[in-house]
N, C-alpha and C. Protein backbone atom coordinates (compact mmCIF):
# COMPACT_ATOMS: atom_id res chain seq x y z
N MET A 1 12.83 -19.45 -0.03
CA MET A 1 11.63 -20.14 0.43
C MET A 1 11.59 -21.55 -0.14
N TYR A 2 11.69 -21.66 -1.47
CA TYR A 2 11.60 -22.98 -2.10
C TYR A 2 12.76 -23.86 -1.66
N LYS A 3 13.96 -23.27 -1.59
CA LYS A 3 15.13 -24.04 -1.15
C LYS A 3 14.98 -24.46 0.31
N ASP A 4 14.36 -23.61 1.12
CA ASP A 4 14.13 -23.97 2.51
C ASP A 4 13.20 -25.18 2.63
N LYS A 5 12.19 -25.20 1.78
CA LYS A 5 11.28 -26.35 1.80
C LYS A 5 11.99 -27.62 1.34
N GLN A 6 12.88 -27.46 0.34
CA GLN A 6 13.65 -28.62 -0.12
C GLN A 6 14.57 -29.12 0.99
N ALA A 7 15.19 -28.19 1.70
CA ALA A 7 16.07 -28.57 2.80
C ALA A 7 15.28 -29.30 3.88
N LEU A 8 14.07 -28.84 4.16
CA LEU A 8 13.22 -29.50 5.15
C LEU A 8 12.88 -30.92 4.71
N ARG A 9 12.51 -31.10 3.44
CA ARG A 9 12.21 -32.44 2.95
C ARG A 9 13.43 -33.35 3.03
N ARG A 10 14.57 -32.80 2.67
CA ARG A 10 15.81 -33.56 2.71
C ARG A 10 16.14 -33.98 4.15
N ASP A 11 15.99 -33.03 5.09
CA ASP A 11 16.25 -33.36 6.49
C ASP A 11 15.24 -34.36 7.03
N ASP A 12 13.99 -34.23 6.60
CA ASP A 12 12.97 -35.21 7.02
C ASP A 12 13.36 -36.61 6.56
N ALA A 13 13.81 -36.70 5.31
CA ALA A 13 14.18 -38.01 4.76
C ALA A 13 15.45 -38.54 5.40
N LYS A 14 16.39 -37.65 5.65
CA LYS A 14 17.70 -38.07 6.15
C LYS A 14 17.68 -38.38 7.65
N TYR A 15 17.08 -37.49 8.44
CA TYR A 15 17.14 -37.61 9.90
C TYR A 15 15.83 -38.04 10.54
N GLY A 16 14.74 -37.95 9.81
CA GLY A 16 13.43 -38.26 10.38
C GLY A 16 12.66 -36.97 10.64
N VAL A 17 11.35 -37.12 10.67
CA VAL A 17 10.46 -35.96 10.77
C VAL A 17 10.66 -35.22 12.09
N ASN A 18 10.98 -35.93 13.15
CA ASN A 18 11.08 -35.30 14.46
C ASN A 18 12.51 -34.94 14.85
N SER A 19 13.42 -34.97 13.90
CA SER A 19 14.82 -34.66 14.22
C SER A 19 14.97 -33.19 14.57
N ALA A 20 16.05 -32.89 15.26
CA ALA A 20 16.31 -31.51 15.67
C ALA A 20 16.49 -30.61 14.45
N GLN A 21 17.18 -31.12 13.43
CA GLN A 21 17.42 -30.32 12.22
C GLN A 21 16.11 -30.00 11.50
N ALA A 22 15.24 -31.02 11.37
CA ALA A 22 13.96 -30.82 10.71
C ALA A 22 13.10 -29.84 11.51
N GLN A 23 13.12 -29.97 12.82
CA GLN A 23 12.35 -29.05 13.67
C GLN A 23 12.87 -27.62 13.54
N ALA A 24 14.18 -27.47 13.48
CA ALA A 24 14.78 -26.14 13.32
C ALA A 24 14.38 -25.55 11.97
N ASP A 25 14.39 -26.39 10.92
CA ASP A 25 13.98 -25.91 9.59
C ASP A 25 12.52 -25.46 9.61
N ARG A 26 11.69 -26.23 10.29
CA ARG A 26 10.27 -25.85 10.38
C ARG A 26 10.11 -24.52 11.10
N LYS A 27 10.87 -24.36 12.17
CA LYS A 27 10.81 -23.12 12.94
C LYS A 27 11.26 -21.93 12.07
N ASP A 28 12.34 -22.13 11.30
CA ASP A 28 12.82 -21.08 10.41
C ASP A 28 11.78 -20.74 9.34
N LEU A 29 11.17 -21.77 8.76
CA LEU A 29 10.14 -21.54 7.74
C LEU A 29 8.97 -20.76 8.32
N HIS A 30 8.59 -21.13 9.54
CA HIS A 30 7.47 -20.44 10.19
C HIS A 30 7.82 -18.96 10.43
N ALA A 31 9.04 -18.71 10.92
CA ALA A 31 9.46 -17.33 11.16
C ALA A 31 9.49 -16.52 9.86
N ASP A 32 9.98 -17.15 8.78
CA ASP A 32 10.01 -16.48 7.48
C ASP A 32 8.60 -16.15 7.01
N ARG A 33 7.68 -17.10 7.20
CA ARG A 33 6.29 -16.89 6.78
C ARG A 33 5.65 -15.76 7.58
N VAL A 34 5.92 -15.73 8.88
CA VAL A 34 5.37 -14.67 9.73
C VAL A 34 5.89 -13.31 9.26
N ASP A 35 7.19 -13.24 8.97
CA ASP A 35 7.79 -11.98 8.50
C ASP A 35 7.18 -11.55 7.16
N ARG A 36 7.05 -12.51 6.25
CA ARG A 36 6.46 -12.19 4.94
C ARG A 36 5.04 -11.69 5.07
N ASN A 37 4.25 -12.35 5.92
CA ASN A 37 2.86 -11.95 6.11
C ASN A 37 2.78 -10.55 6.72
N LYS A 38 3.66 -10.27 7.69
CA LYS A 38 3.68 -8.94 8.30
C LYS A 38 4.06 -7.89 7.27
N ASP A 39 5.07 -8.19 6.46
CA ASP A 39 5.47 -7.26 5.40
C ASP A 39 4.33 -7.00 4.43
N GLN A 40 3.61 -8.06 4.06
CA GLN A 40 2.51 -7.90 3.11
C GLN A 40 1.39 -7.07 3.72
N ARG A 41 1.11 -7.27 5.02
CA ARG A 41 0.09 -6.44 5.68
C ARG A 41 0.51 -4.98 5.67
N ASP A 42 1.80 -4.72 5.94
CA ASP A 42 2.29 -3.34 5.91
C ASP A 42 2.15 -2.74 4.51
N ILE A 43 2.48 -3.52 3.50
CA ILE A 43 2.35 -3.05 2.12
C ILE A 43 0.89 -2.72 1.81
N ASN A 44 -0.01 -3.60 2.21
CA ASN A 44 -1.44 -3.37 1.95
C ASN A 44 -1.94 -2.12 2.68
N LYS A 45 -1.47 -1.92 3.92
CA LYS A 45 -1.87 -0.74 4.68
C LYS A 45 -1.34 0.52 3.98
N ASP A 46 -0.10 0.47 3.53
CA ASP A 46 0.48 1.61 2.82
C ASP A 46 -0.29 1.92 1.54
N LYS A 47 -0.71 0.87 0.83
CA LYS A 47 -1.51 1.08 -0.38
C LYS A 47 -2.82 1.78 -0.04
N GLY A 48 -3.43 1.36 1.04
CA GLY A 48 -4.68 2.00 1.47
C GLY A 48 -4.46 3.46 1.83
N ASP A 49 -3.36 3.73 2.55
CA ASP A 49 -3.05 5.11 2.91
C ASP A 49 -2.79 5.96 1.67
N LEU A 50 -2.05 5.40 0.71
CA LEU A 50 -1.78 6.13 -0.53
C LEU A 50 -3.07 6.42 -1.28
N HIS A 51 -3.96 5.45 -1.30
CA HIS A 51 -5.24 5.65 -1.98
C HIS A 51 -6.02 6.79 -1.33
N ALA A 52 -6.07 6.77 0.01
CA ALA A 52 -6.80 7.83 0.72
C ALA A 52 -6.17 9.19 0.45
N ASP A 53 -4.83 9.25 0.43
CA ASP A 53 -4.14 10.51 0.14
C ASP A 53 -4.47 10.99 -1.27
N ARG A 54 -4.48 10.05 -2.22
CA ARG A 54 -4.77 10.40 -3.61
C ARG A 54 -6.20 10.93 -3.74
N VAL A 55 -7.14 10.30 -3.04
CA VAL A 55 -8.53 10.76 -3.08
C VAL A 55 -8.61 12.18 -2.53
N ASP A 56 -7.94 12.43 -1.39
CA ASP A 56 -7.96 13.78 -0.80
C ASP A 56 -7.34 14.80 -1.75
N ARG A 57 -6.20 14.43 -2.36
CA ARG A 57 -5.52 15.35 -3.26
C ARG A 57 -6.39 15.67 -4.47
N ASN A 58 -7.04 14.65 -5.02
CA ASN A 58 -7.92 14.87 -6.18
C ASN A 58 -9.11 15.74 -5.82
N LYS A 59 -9.66 15.50 -4.63
CA LYS A 59 -10.80 16.33 -4.19
C LYS A 59 -10.34 17.77 -4.01
N GLY A 60 -9.17 17.95 -3.43
CA GLY A 60 -8.63 19.30 -3.26
C GLY A 60 -8.42 19.99 -4.59
N GLN A 61 -7.90 19.27 -5.57
CA GLN A 61 -7.69 19.86 -6.89
C GLN A 61 -9.01 20.22 -7.55
N LEU A 62 -10.01 19.38 -7.37
CA LEU A 62 -11.34 19.70 -7.92
C LEU A 62 -11.88 20.98 -7.30
N ASP A 63 -11.68 21.13 -5.97
CA ASP A 63 -12.13 22.34 -5.29
C ASP A 63 -11.38 23.57 -5.82
N ILE A 64 -10.07 23.43 -6.03
CA ILE A 64 -9.27 24.54 -6.56
C ILE A 64 -9.78 24.94 -7.95
N ASN A 65 -10.01 23.95 -8.79
CA ASN A 65 -10.50 24.24 -10.14
C ASN A 65 -11.86 24.93 -10.12
N LYS A 66 -12.74 24.47 -9.21
CA LYS A 66 -14.06 25.09 -9.10
C LYS A 66 -13.90 26.54 -8.63
N ASP A 67 -13.02 26.76 -7.65
CA ASP A 67 -12.79 28.12 -7.16
C ASP A 67 -12.24 29.01 -8.27
N LYS A 68 -11.37 28.47 -9.12
CA LYS A 68 -10.84 29.26 -10.24
C LYS A 68 -11.96 29.65 -11.20
N ARG A 69 -12.85 28.70 -11.49
CA ARG A 69 -13.98 29.00 -12.38
C ARG A 69 -14.88 30.08 -11.77
N ASP A 70 -15.15 29.94 -10.47
CA ASP A 70 -15.99 30.93 -9.79
C ASP A 70 -15.32 32.31 -9.80
N LEU A 71 -14.02 32.34 -9.54
CA LEU A 71 -13.29 33.60 -9.54
C LEU A 71 -13.32 34.25 -10.92
N HIS A 72 -13.12 33.43 -11.93
CA HIS A 72 -13.17 33.95 -13.31
C HIS A 72 -14.55 34.54 -13.61
N LYS A 73 -15.57 33.82 -13.22
CA LYS A 73 -16.94 34.29 -13.46
C LYS A 73 -17.20 35.59 -12.69
N ASP A 74 -16.73 35.64 -11.43
CA ASP A 74 -16.91 36.86 -10.63
C ASP A 74 -16.20 38.05 -11.26
N ARG A 75 -14.98 37.84 -11.74
CA ARG A 75 -14.24 38.92 -12.39
C ARG A 75 -14.94 39.38 -13.66
N LYS A 76 -15.44 38.42 -14.41
CA LYS A 76 -16.16 38.74 -15.63
C LYS A 76 -17.40 39.58 -15.32
N ASP A 77 -18.15 39.16 -14.28
CA ASP A 77 -19.33 39.92 -13.86
C ASP A 77 -18.94 41.32 -13.40
N LEU A 78 -17.84 41.43 -12.66
CA LEU A 78 -17.38 42.73 -12.17
C LEU A 78 -17.01 43.64 -13.33
N ARG A 79 -16.29 43.12 -14.32
CA ARG A 79 -15.93 43.90 -15.50
C ARG A 79 -17.20 44.36 -16.24
N HIS A 80 -18.12 43.45 -16.35
CA HIS A 80 -19.39 43.78 -17.04
C HIS A 80 -20.12 44.90 -16.29
N ASP A 81 -20.16 44.80 -14.95
CA ASP A 81 -20.83 45.81 -14.13
C ASP A 81 -20.14 47.17 -14.27
N ARG A 82 -18.82 47.18 -14.32
CA ARG A 82 -18.09 48.44 -14.43
C ARG A 82 -18.36 49.08 -15.80
N LYS A 83 -18.45 48.28 -16.82
CA LYS A 83 -18.73 48.80 -18.16
C LYS A 83 -20.14 49.37 -18.24
N SER A 84 -21.07 48.76 -17.52
CA SER A 84 -22.48 49.17 -17.58
C SER A 84 -22.70 50.53 -16.93
N LYS A 85 -21.86 50.93 -16.00
CA LYS A 85 -22.08 52.18 -15.28
C LYS A 85 -21.72 53.37 -16.05
């Protein structure tokens, strides 16, 4: 990226701002920027998806833990009831 900008400045100075080489460099820089921006958007979307997955997984684990506590309590009550009879 930085070297591309240096090449553009060099071509601007050497051939002029409207030269074919300078225009080609500008076009390449623009294409690189578009690709980088698209990649960054994809990365951000993936981060959002990962976050949503993590939230779902954590909620599921909380539900599992609550069910385990309830099951333990139910078994304890059942044992207590059997002893009482």
